[in-house]
Protein backbone atom coordinates (compact mmCIF):
# COMPACT_ATOMS: atom_id res chain seq x y z
CA UNK A 1 0.00 0.00 0.00
CA UNK A 2 1.41 3.45 -0.89
CA UNK A 3 2.55 5.52 2.09
CA UNK A 4 0.04 8.35 1.41
CA UNK A 5 -2.86 5.93 1.22
CA UNK A 6 -1.73 4.16 4.39
CA UNK A 7 -1.62 7.51 6.21
CA UNK A 8 -5.21 8.26 5.19
CA UNK A 9 -6.30 4.80 6.33
CA UNK A 10 -4.56 5.29 9.69
CA UNK A 11 -6.35 8.62 10.15
CA UNK A 12 -9.71 6.98 9.36
CA UNK A 13 -9.05 4.21 11.88
CA UNK A 14 -8.35 6.81 14.58
CA UNK A 15 -11.96 7.93 14.22
CA UNK A 16 -13.46 4.51 13.41
CA UNK A 17 -12.76 0.96 14.63
CA UNK A 18 -11.21 -1.45 12.09
CA UNK A 19 -14.55 -3.28 11.78
CA UNK A 20 -18.16 -2.29 12.39
CA UNK A 21 -21.35 -4.31 12.83
CA UNK A 22 -23.06 -4.71 9.46
CA UNK A 23 -26.38 -3.78 11.05
CA UNK A 24 -25.13 -0.25 11.84
CA UNK A 25 -24.45 0.45 8.16
CA UNK A 26 -28.12 0.85 7.26
CA UNK A 27 -28.92 4.47 6.51
CA UNK A 28 -32.22 4.43 8.43
CA UNK A 29 -30.44 3.82 11.73
CA UNK A 30 -28.79 7.25 11.88
CA UNK A 31 -29.53 8.88 8.49
CA UNK A 32 -25.88 9.94 8.55
CA UNK A 33 -26.74 13.01 10.64
CA UNK A 34 -23.51 13.00 12.66
CA UNK A 35 -21.43 12.73 9.50
CA UNK A 36 -23.49 15.47 7.86
CA UNK A 37 -22.75 17.77 10.79
CA UNK A 38 -19.02 17.05 10.43
CA UNK A 39 -19.14 17.78 6.68
CA UNK A 40 -20.92 21.10 7.30
CA UNK A 41 -18.37 22.05 9.95
CA UNK A 42 -15.64 21.33 7.39
CA UNK A 43 -17.36 23.53 4.80
CA UNK A 44 -17.66 26.31 7.38
CA UNK A 45 -13.95 26.14 8.24
CA UNK A 46 -12.94 26.18 4.58
CA UNK A 47 -15.27 28.98 3.44
CA UNK A 48 -14.61 30.94 6.64
CA UNK A 49 -10.89 31.02 5.88
CA UNK A 50 -11.62 32.25 2.35
CA UNK A 51 -13.97 34.96 3.63
CA UNK A 52 -11.29 36.21 6.02
CA UNK A 53 -9.14 37.08 3.04
CA UNK A 54 -11.60 39.84 2.09
CA UNK A 55 -13.40 40.74 5.34
CA UNK A 56 -12.37 43.76 7.44
CA UNK A 57 -13.63 43.59 11.06
CA UNK A 58 -14.36 47.25 11.74
CA UNK A 59 -17.59 49.21 11.67
CA UNK A 60 -16.13 51.57 9.08
CA UNK A 61 -15.16 48.88 6.61
CA UNK A 62 -17.10 45.67 7.41
CA UNK A 63 -20.14 46.42 5.24
CA UNK A 64 -18.11 47.69 2.29
CA UNK A 65 -15.82 44.67 2.48
CA UNK A 66 -18.89 42.43 2.11
CA UNK A 67 -20.06 44.48 -0.89
CA UNK A 68 -16.63 44.18 -2.53
CA UNK A 69 -16.56 40.45 -1.75
CA UNK A 70 -19.95 39.79 -3.32
CA UNK A 71 -19.66 42.17 -6.30
CA UNK A 72 -16.00 42.24 -7.30
CA UNK A 73 -14.22 39.16 -5.94
CA UNK A 74 -14.58 36.16 -8.29
CA UNK A 75 -16.87 33.55 -6.68
CA UNK A 76 -17.04 35.75 -3.56
CA UNK A 77 -20.84 35.73 -3.41
CA UNK A 78 -20.89 31.98 -3.96
CA UNK A 79 -18.42 31.35 -1.11
CA UNK A 80 -20.44 33.58 1.22
CA UNK A 81 -23.63 31.75 0.23
CA UNK A 82 -22.04 28.37 0.97
CA UNK A 83 -20.89 29.65 4.38
CA UNK A 84 -24.34 31.04 5.18
CA UNK A 85 -26.36 28.00 4.15
CA UNK A 86 -23.91 25.56 5.74
CA UNK A 87 -24.27 27.41 9.06
CA UNK A 88 -28.05 27.40 8.94
CA UNK A 89 -28.28 23.79 7.81
CA UNK A 90 -25.90 22.81 10.60
CA UNK A 91 -28.37 24.05 13.22
CA UNK A 92 -31.15 21.97 11.64
CA UNK A 93 -28.95 18.87 11.30
CA UNK A 94 -27.72 19.18 14.90
CA UNK A 95 -31.32 19.46 16.12
CA UNK A 96 -32.31 16.36 14.12
CA UNK A 97 -29.23 14.53 15.41
CA UNK A 98 -30.33 15.30 18.97
CA UNK A 99 -33.74 13.84 18.17
CA UNK A 100 -32.16 10.74 16.61
CA UNK A 101 -30.10 10.13 19.74
CA UNK A 102 -33.22 10.38 21.91
CA UNK A 103 -35.42 8.24 19.66
CA UNK A 104 -32.89 5.41 19.28
CA UNK A 105 -31.82 5.26 22.94
CA UNK A 106 -28.27 6.42 22.22
CA UNK A 107 -27.64 8.29 25.49
CA UNK A 108 -27.74 5.44 28.01
CA UNK A 109 -25.02 3.64 29.94
CA UNK A 110 -21.57 4.27 28.45
CA UNK A 111 -22.72 7.25 26.39
CA UNK A 112 -23.75 9.75 29.06
CA UNK A 113 -20.65 11.91 28.80
CA UNK A 114 -21.04 12.04 25.04
CA UNK A 115 -24.62 13.28 25.49
CA UNK A 116 -23.32 16.17 27.61
CA UNK A 117 -20.59 16.94 25.06
CA UNK A 118 -23.20 16.82 22.30
CA UNK A 119 -25.30 19.43 24.12
CA UNK A 120 -22.20 21.62 24.51
CA UNK A 121 -21.56 21.25 20.77
CA UNK A 122 -25.13 22.32 20.04
CA UNK A 123 -24.62 25.40 22.23
CA UNK A 124 -21.37 26.21 20.40
CA UNK A 125 -23.06 25.84 17.01
CA UNK A 126 -25.69 28.37 18.06
CA UNK A 127 -22.95 30.64 19.43
CA UNK A 128 -21.03 30.36 16.16
CA UNK A 129 -24.10 31.31 14.12
CA UNK A 130 -24.98 34.16 16.45
CA UNK A 131 -21.49 35.70 16.59
CA UNK A 132 -21.19 35.47 12.81
CA UNK A 133 -24.57 37.10 12.35
CA UNK A 134 -23.27 40.57 13.25
CA UNK A 135 -20.20 40.55 11.03
CA UNK A 136 -21.80 41.90 7.80
CA UNK A 137 -22.84 45.01 9.80
CA UNK A 138 -26.09 45.49 7.90
CA UNK A 139 -29.53 46.37 9.26
CA UNK A 140 -30.61 42.75 9.52
CA UNK A 141 -27.53 41.79 11.56
CA UNK A 142 -27.39 44.91 13.72
CA UNK A 143 -30.96 44.78 14.93
CA UNK A 144 -31.09 41.00 15.32
CA UNK A 145 -28.08 41.17 17.62
CA UNK A 146 -29.60 44.18 19.38
CA UNK A 147 -32.70 42.11 20.17
CA UNK A 148 -30.68 39.11 21.40
CA UNK A 149 -28.25 41.06 23.57
CA UNK A 150 -31.19 42.99 25.02
CA UNK A 151 -32.60 39.65 26.18
CA UNK A 152 -29.48 39.15 28.31
CA UNK A 153 -30.49 42.16 30.40
CA UNK A 154 -33.41 40.19 31.86
CA UNK A 155 -31.15 37.59 33.47
CA UNK A 156 -31.21 38.20 37.25
CA UNK A 157 -28.11 39.53 39.05
CA UNK A 158 -25.61 39.32 36.17
CA UNK A 159 -27.79 40.18 33.16
CA UNK A 160 -26.66 43.77 32.65
CA UNK A 161 -23.04 42.74 33.21
CA UNK A 162 -23.33 40.02 30.54
CA UNK A 163 -24.99 42.47 28.19
CA UNK A 164 -22.16 44.99 28.52
CA UNK A 165 -19.56 42.21 28.32
CA UNK A 166 -20.79 40.98 24.93
CA UNK A 167 -21.52 44.45 23.60
CA UNK A 168 -18.24 45.86 24.88
CA UNK A 169 -20.18 48.73 26.38
CA UNK A 170 -23.70 50.04 26.81
CA UNK A 171 -24.49 50.09 23.09
CA UNK A 172 -23.66 47.96 20.08
CA UNK A 173 -20.69 49.48 18.26
CA UNK A 174 -17.07 48.89 17.23
CA UNK A 175 -16.26 47.01 20.46
CA UNK A 176 -19.22 44.68 19.87
CA UNK A 177 -18.08 43.85 16.36
CA UNK A 178 -14.53 43.20 17.62
CA UNK A 179 -15.81 40.92 20.39
CA UNK A 180 -18.03 38.95 18.03
CA UNK A 181 -15.27 38.66 15.43
CA UNK A 182 -12.79 37.18 17.93
CA UNK A 183 -15.38 34.79 19.30
CA UNK A 184 -16.47 33.74 15.80
CA UNK A 185 -13.05 33.12 14.24
CA UNK A 186 -11.00 31.99 17.24
CA UNK A 187 -12.64 30.94 20.49
CA UNK A 188 -15.77 29.17 19.23
CA UNK A 189 -14.10 27.27 16.32
CA UNK A 190 -11.19 26.19 18.51
CA UNK A 191 -13.45 24.88 21.27
CA UNK A 192 -15.78 23.33 18.71
CA UNK A 193 -12.92 21.45 17.03
CA UNK A 194 -11.66 19.99 20.32
CA UNK A 195 -15.11 18.90 21.48
CA UNK A 196 -15.96 17.48 18.06
CA UNK A 197 -12.89 15.22 18.10
CA UNK A 198 -13.72 14.17 21.67
CA UNK A 199 -17.32 13.48 20.60
CA UNK A 200 -16.26 11.18 17.74
CA UNK A 201 -13.68 9.43 19.89
CA UNK A 202 -16.31 8.66 22.55
CA UNK A 203 -18.60 7.24 19.87
CA UNK A 204 -15.78 4.92 18.81
CA UNK A 205 -14.98 3.95 22.41
CA UNK A 206 -18.64 3.06 22.97
CA UNK A 207 -18.52 0.67 20.01
CA UNK A 208 -19.86 2.92 17.26
CA UNK A 209 -23.52 3.51 16.55
CA UNK A 210 -26.06 1.92 18.87
CA UNK A 211 -27.57 -1.36 17.77
CA UNK A 212 -30.12 -3.88 18.97
CA UNK A 213 -28.47 -5.39 22.03
CA UNK A 214 -30.38 -8.67 22.13
CA UNK A 215 -29.57 -9.51 18.50
CA UNK A 216 -26.38 -11.52 19.02
CA UNK A 217 -26.06 -12.39 15.34
CA UNK A 218 -26.15 -8.75 14.32
CA UNK A 219 -23.55 -7.85 16.94
CA UNK A 220 -21.08 -10.51 15.81
CA UNK A 221 -21.64 -9.94 12.07
CA UNK A 222 -18.91 -7.34 11.45
CA UNK A 223 -17.41 -5.98 8.25
CA UNK A 224 -14.26 -3.90 7.58
CA UNK A 225 -14.68 -0.14 8.06
CA UNK A 226 -12.86 0.40 4.77
CA UNK A 227 -14.57 0.34 2.34
CA UNK A 228 -18.03 -0.53 3.73
CA UNK A 229 -18.54 2.38 6.16
CA UNK A 230 -16.25 4.90 4.46
CA UNK A 231 -17.96 4.54 1.07
CA UNK A 232 -21.35 5.20 2.66
CA UNK A 233 -20.07 8.19 4.60
CA UNK A 234 -18.47 9.59 1.45
CA UNK A 235 -21.70 9.18 -0.50
CA UNK A 236 -23.75 11.00 2.15
CA UNK A 237 -21.13 13.76 2.40
CA UNK A 238 -20.92 14.32 -1.36
CA UNK A 239 -24.71 14.45 -1.71
CA UNK A 240 -24.87 17.00 1.11
CA UNK A 241 -22.11 19.14 -0.45
CA UNK A 242 -23.92 19.04 -3.80
CA UNK A 243 -27.13 20.16 -2.09
CA UNK A 244 -25.38 23.08 -0.32
CA UNK A 245 -23.68 24.14 -3.56
CA UNK A 246 -26.99 24.05 -5.45
CA UNK A 247 -28.75 25.96 -2.68
CA UNK A 248 -25.96 28.56 -2.77
CA UNK A 249 -26.42 29.01 -6.52
CA UNK A 250 -30.20 29.46 -6.30
CA UNK A 251 -30.51 31.65 -3.16
CA UNK A 252 -28.22 34.48 -2.15
CA UNK A 253 -27.45 35.32 1.47
CA UNK A 254 -29.56 38.33 2.54
CA UNK A 255 -27.77 41.66 2.85
CA UNK A 256 -29.72 44.81 3.73
CA UNK A 257 -28.57 48.39 4.00
CA UNK A 258 -25.61 49.30 6.19
CA UNK A 259 -26.37 49.22 9.92
CA UNK A 260 -28.19 52.33 11.11
CA UNK A 261 -28.67 52.58 14.89
CA UNK A 262 -31.26 55.31 14.40
CA UNK A 263 -33.62 53.35 12.13
CA UNK A 264 -35.08 50.17 13.55
CA UNK A 265 -36.86 47.81 11.13
CA UNK A 266 -40.42 46.77 11.88
CA UNK A 267 -40.52 44.06 13.04
CA UNK A 268 -37.08 43.71 14.60
CA UNK A 269 -36.48 39.99 14.92
CA UNK A 270 -33.79 37.80 16.40
CA UNK A 271 -32.06 35.21 14.16
CA UNK A 272 -34.50 32.43 13.27
CA UNK A 273 -32.95 29.91 15.69
CA UNK A 274 -33.70 32.27 18.60
CA UNK A 275 -37.18 33.28 17.46
CA UNK A 276 -38.74 30.58 19.64
CA UNK A 277 -37.41 32.41 22.70
CA UNK A 278 -38.50 35.77 21.27
CA UNK A 279 -41.97 34.26 20.88
CA UNK A 280 -41.91 33.31 24.56
CA UNK A 281 -41.17 36.96 25.39
CA UNK A 282 -44.56 37.87 23.96
CA UNK A 283 -46.36 35.55 26.37
CA UNK A 284 -44.21 35.32 29.52
CA UNK A 285 -42.49 37.69 31.88
CA UNK A 286 -39.03 38.38 30.37
CA UNK A 287 -37.16 36.84 33.33
CA UNK A 288 -38.99 33.55 32.81
CA UNK A 289 -38.83 33.64 29.00
CA UNK A 290 -35.11 34.43 28.81
CA UNK A 291 -33.73 32.82 31.96
CA UNK A 292 -35.99 30.47 33.95
CA UNK A 293 -37.50 28.38 31.13
CA UNK A 294 -34.23 27.97 29.14
CA UNK A 295 -32.41 27.11 32.39
CA UNK A 296 -35.02 24.49 33.31
CA UNK A 297 -34.86 23.04 29.79
CA UNK A 298 -31.06 22.86 29.78
CA UNK A 299 -30.98 21.30 33.26
CA UNK A 300 -33.56 18.69 32.22
CA UNK A 301 -31.66 17.72 29.07
CA UNK A 302 -28.33 17.50 30.93
CA UNK A 303 -29.78 15.33 33.70
CA UNK A 304 -31.89 12.92 31.61
CA UNK A 305 -29.15 10.29 31.00
CA UNK A 306 -28.30 10.19 34.73
CA UNK A 307 -31.87 9.23 35.69
CA UNK A 308 -32.05 5.45 35.53
CA UNK A 309 -34.02 3.70 32.78
CA UNK A 310 -34.66 6.83 30.72
CA UNK A 311 -33.05 5.56 27.51
CA UNK A 312 -35.15 3.60 25.02
CA UNK A 313 -34.03 0.13 23.86
CA UNK A 314 -30.97 0.83 21.73
CA UNK A 315 -30.98 0.68 17.97
CA UNK A 316 -34.77 0.62 17.61
CA UNK A 317 -36.53 3.81 16.59
CA UNK A 318 -39.02 4.86 19.31
CA UNK A 319 -38.18 1.67 21.21
CA UNK A 320 -41.13 -0.27 19.83
CA UNK A 321 -44.23 0.05 17.67
CA UNK A 322 -46.14 1.21 20.74
CA UNK A 323 -43.49 3.87 21.33
CA UNK A 324 -43.85 4.98 17.71
CA UNK A 325 -47.58 5.59 18.20
CA UNK A 326 -46.90 7.44 21.45
CA UNK A 327 -44.36 9.66 19.65
CA UNK A 328 -46.92 10.50 16.97
CA UNK A 329 -49.48 11.44 19.61
CA UNK A 330 -46.87 13.50 21.49
CA UNK A 331 -45.95 15.48 18.38
CA UNK A 332 -49.62 16.10 17.54
CA UNK A 333 -50.59 17.12 21.07
CA UNK A 334 -47.51 19.32 21.46
CA UNK A 335 -48.14 21.16 18.18
CA UNK A 336 -51.87 21.65 18.68
CA UNK A 337 -51.58 22.64 22.36
CA UNK A 338 -48.81 25.19 21.62
CA UNK A 339 -50.79 26.69 18.76
CA UNK A 340 -53.94 26.89 20.89
CA UNK A 341 -52.09 28.55 23.79
CA UNK A 342 -50.45 31.13 21.51
CA UNK A 343 -53.72 32.00 19.77
CA UNK A 344 -55.62 32.07 23.06
CA UNK A 345 -53.06 34.29 24.72
CA UNK A 346 -53.01 36.57 21.68
CA UNK A 347 -56.78 37.04 21.96
CA UNK A 348 -56.45 37.66 25.70
CA UNK A 349 -53.79 40.32 25.23
CA UNK A 350 -55.68 42.02 22.40
CA UNK A 351 -58.85 42.21 24.51
CA UNK A 352 -57.33 44.59 27.07
CA UNK A 353 -55.79 47.96 26.45
CA UNK A 354 -53.13 47.73 29.13
CA UNK A 355 -51.86 44.32 30.11
CA UNK A 356 -51.97 44.81 33.86
CA UNK A 357 -51.44 41.08 34.35
CA UNK A 358 -48.03 41.06 32.70
CA UNK A 359 -46.22 40.69 36.01
CA UNK A 360 -43.66 38.36 37.51
CA UNK A 361 -46.45 36.33 39.14
CA UNK A 362 -49.28 36.14 36.62
CA UNK A 363 -47.11 36.00 33.49
CA UNK A 364 -44.18 34.16 35.01
CA UNK A 365 -44.58 32.05 38.13
CA UNK A 366 -48.16 30.91 37.49
CA UNK A 367 -47.59 29.74 33.86
CA UNK A 368 -44.37 28.00 34.94
CA UNK A 369 -46.10 26.09 37.74
CA UNK A 370 -48.98 25.15 35.42
CA UNK A 371 -46.54 23.96 32.76
CA UNK A 372 -44.59 21.82 35.25
CA UNK A 373 -47.83 20.38 36.64
CA UNK A 374 -48.94 19.60 33.08
CA UNK A 375 -45.69 17.77 32.29
CA UNK A 376 -45.81 15.89 35.60
CA UNK A 377 -49.42 14.91 34.92
CA UNK A 378 -48.53 13.63 31.46
CA UNK A 379 -45.66 11.58 32.88
CA UNK A 380 -47.79 10.02 35.65
CA UNK A 381 -50.62 9.31 33.23
CA UNK A 382 -48.30 7.50 30.83
CA UNK A 383 -46.41 5.52 33.48
CA UNK A 384 -49.07 4.83 36.13
CA UNK A 385 -52.27 4.57 34.11
CA UNK A 386 -51.21 3.57 30.59
CA UNK A 387 -48.26 1.35 31.60
CA UNK A 388 -45.66 2.99 29.38
CA UNK A 389 -42.05 2.60 30.46
CA UNK A 390 -40.16 5.49 32.03
CA UNK A 391 -38.06 5.75 28.87
CA UNK A 392 -41.15 6.04 26.67
CA UNK A 393 -42.65 8.68 28.97
CA UNK A 394 -39.40 10.69 28.95
CA UNK A 395 -39.29 10.43 25.15
CA UNK A 396 -42.85 11.77 25.01
CA UNK A 397 -42.03 14.77 27.23
CA UNK A 398 -38.88 15.62 25.27
CA UNK A 399 -40.87 15.51 22.02
CA UNK A 400 -43.60 17.69 23.51
CA UNK A 401 -41.08 20.36 24.53
CA UNK A 402 -39.07 20.30 21.30
CA UNK A 403 -42.22 20.42 19.17
CA UNK A 404 -43.52 23.36 21.22
CA UNK A 405 -40.25 25.23 20.66
CA UNK A 406 -40.42 24.39 16.94
CA UNK A 407 -43.97 25.73 16.65
CA UNK A 408 -42.90 28.94 18.43
CA UNK A 409 -40.01 29.28 15.99
CA UNK A 410 -42.22 28.72 12.92
CA UNK A 411 -44.71 31.32 14.14
CA UNK A 412 -41.90 33.78 14.84
CA UNK A 413 -40.36 33.30 11.38
CA UNK A 414 -43.46 33.38 9.18
CA UNK A 415 -46.45 34.57 11.20
CA UNK A 416 -45.18 37.64 13.05
CA UNK A 417 -45.42 40.91 11.18
CA UNK A 418 -45.23 44.60 12.06
CA UNK A 419 -45.19 45.23 15.81
CA UNK A 420 -44.89 41.44 16.15
CA UNK A 421 -48.61 41.00 15.47
CA UNK A 422 -49.86 37.70 14.10
CA UNK A 423 -50.30 37.85 10.33
CA UNK A 424 -50.71 35.54 7.37
CA UNK A 425 -47.37 35.34 5.50
CA UNK A 426 -49.03 35.88 2.12
CA UNK A 427 -51.04 38.86 3.40
CA UNK A 428 -48.25 41.10 4.68
CA UNK A 429 -47.63 42.93 1.43
CA UNK A 430 -44.95 45.56 1.26
CA UNK A 431 -46.17 47.50 4.22
């Protein structure tokens, strides 16, 4: 074997075992979501380096450097489009990967640390997207970051300090752009790269993808990683790259006018991946929408693997056919209940001139207690009355929460118009 080829094979075998169970090669087990995320990270690193050759990180030159990049530099617009769509697709893929891990029981014994690292990676992906959002210094970026950093001010005790830390002062300006630039090109990518390697190594140490544990024949039926697994990973990666390239040809990355602190757009929205939390701000007290509910959600996700018997049977989607039906009901109930609550609350708010009830108690503590009681009731109903396993009940609750956040995000993206009123997307017009 040539030395160069042997070096590539050795690198592959650092990330993969020499052999893998044949059963784990089927696409429907993982849909290649972890590999897709790695490919998108690679595209982001490559295109990010190319963009740095033209970008100037100062408020005086950032916007013009983007204009020069997209109008005068050969393939500059195309490279920026690839970077933009890769970043946005990465958030979606990471979210789906999280779901896949939950629905195939891939966070149980021996994989708990990797679940925590995966959540940290998801946080870093959101941080990478958010810090990169400001860099074009256009109206869209400026006011989206203004909205998001304003949310930090609602965090008790340290909120204003965090806000000034990220902004580099009381207002968004040159210091903010410098902070976001350093975070985007140095700190976040460096941390992301280290955790990503650790994540893949832990997958290998755990024996690769999860599989059906009681199927002894499937466990012992192993095939060489090269070429069986590598060919499949290459095929998925090439198809994904082709899709990103095509998407980048058909749709350009948005770029509005240069940032103008004196002219706020209407509506002023956060980036789409934070619009679910902005939607919560319309219905809850800001402290609960920005701090309490996200903190409770993060704590629940971090602690799930350490609660015994919360992981579904490994390698089987939804754990069983009964679990599949429960998942369908959970998604339906979560979507319909969230939609009903949003519409009902919108009618309630529009029926009074001054929302006197928008206080820490009536719009914060009371809804939080009711929500926790609702989730507890669902869990007890499933486990005590309907004889579902703890793992199936936990799966149902996770799906309910994620679907609710998804519905909030969809409404924020397409159904919130001027003054953040509910509108039909096709009825907004130009005004």
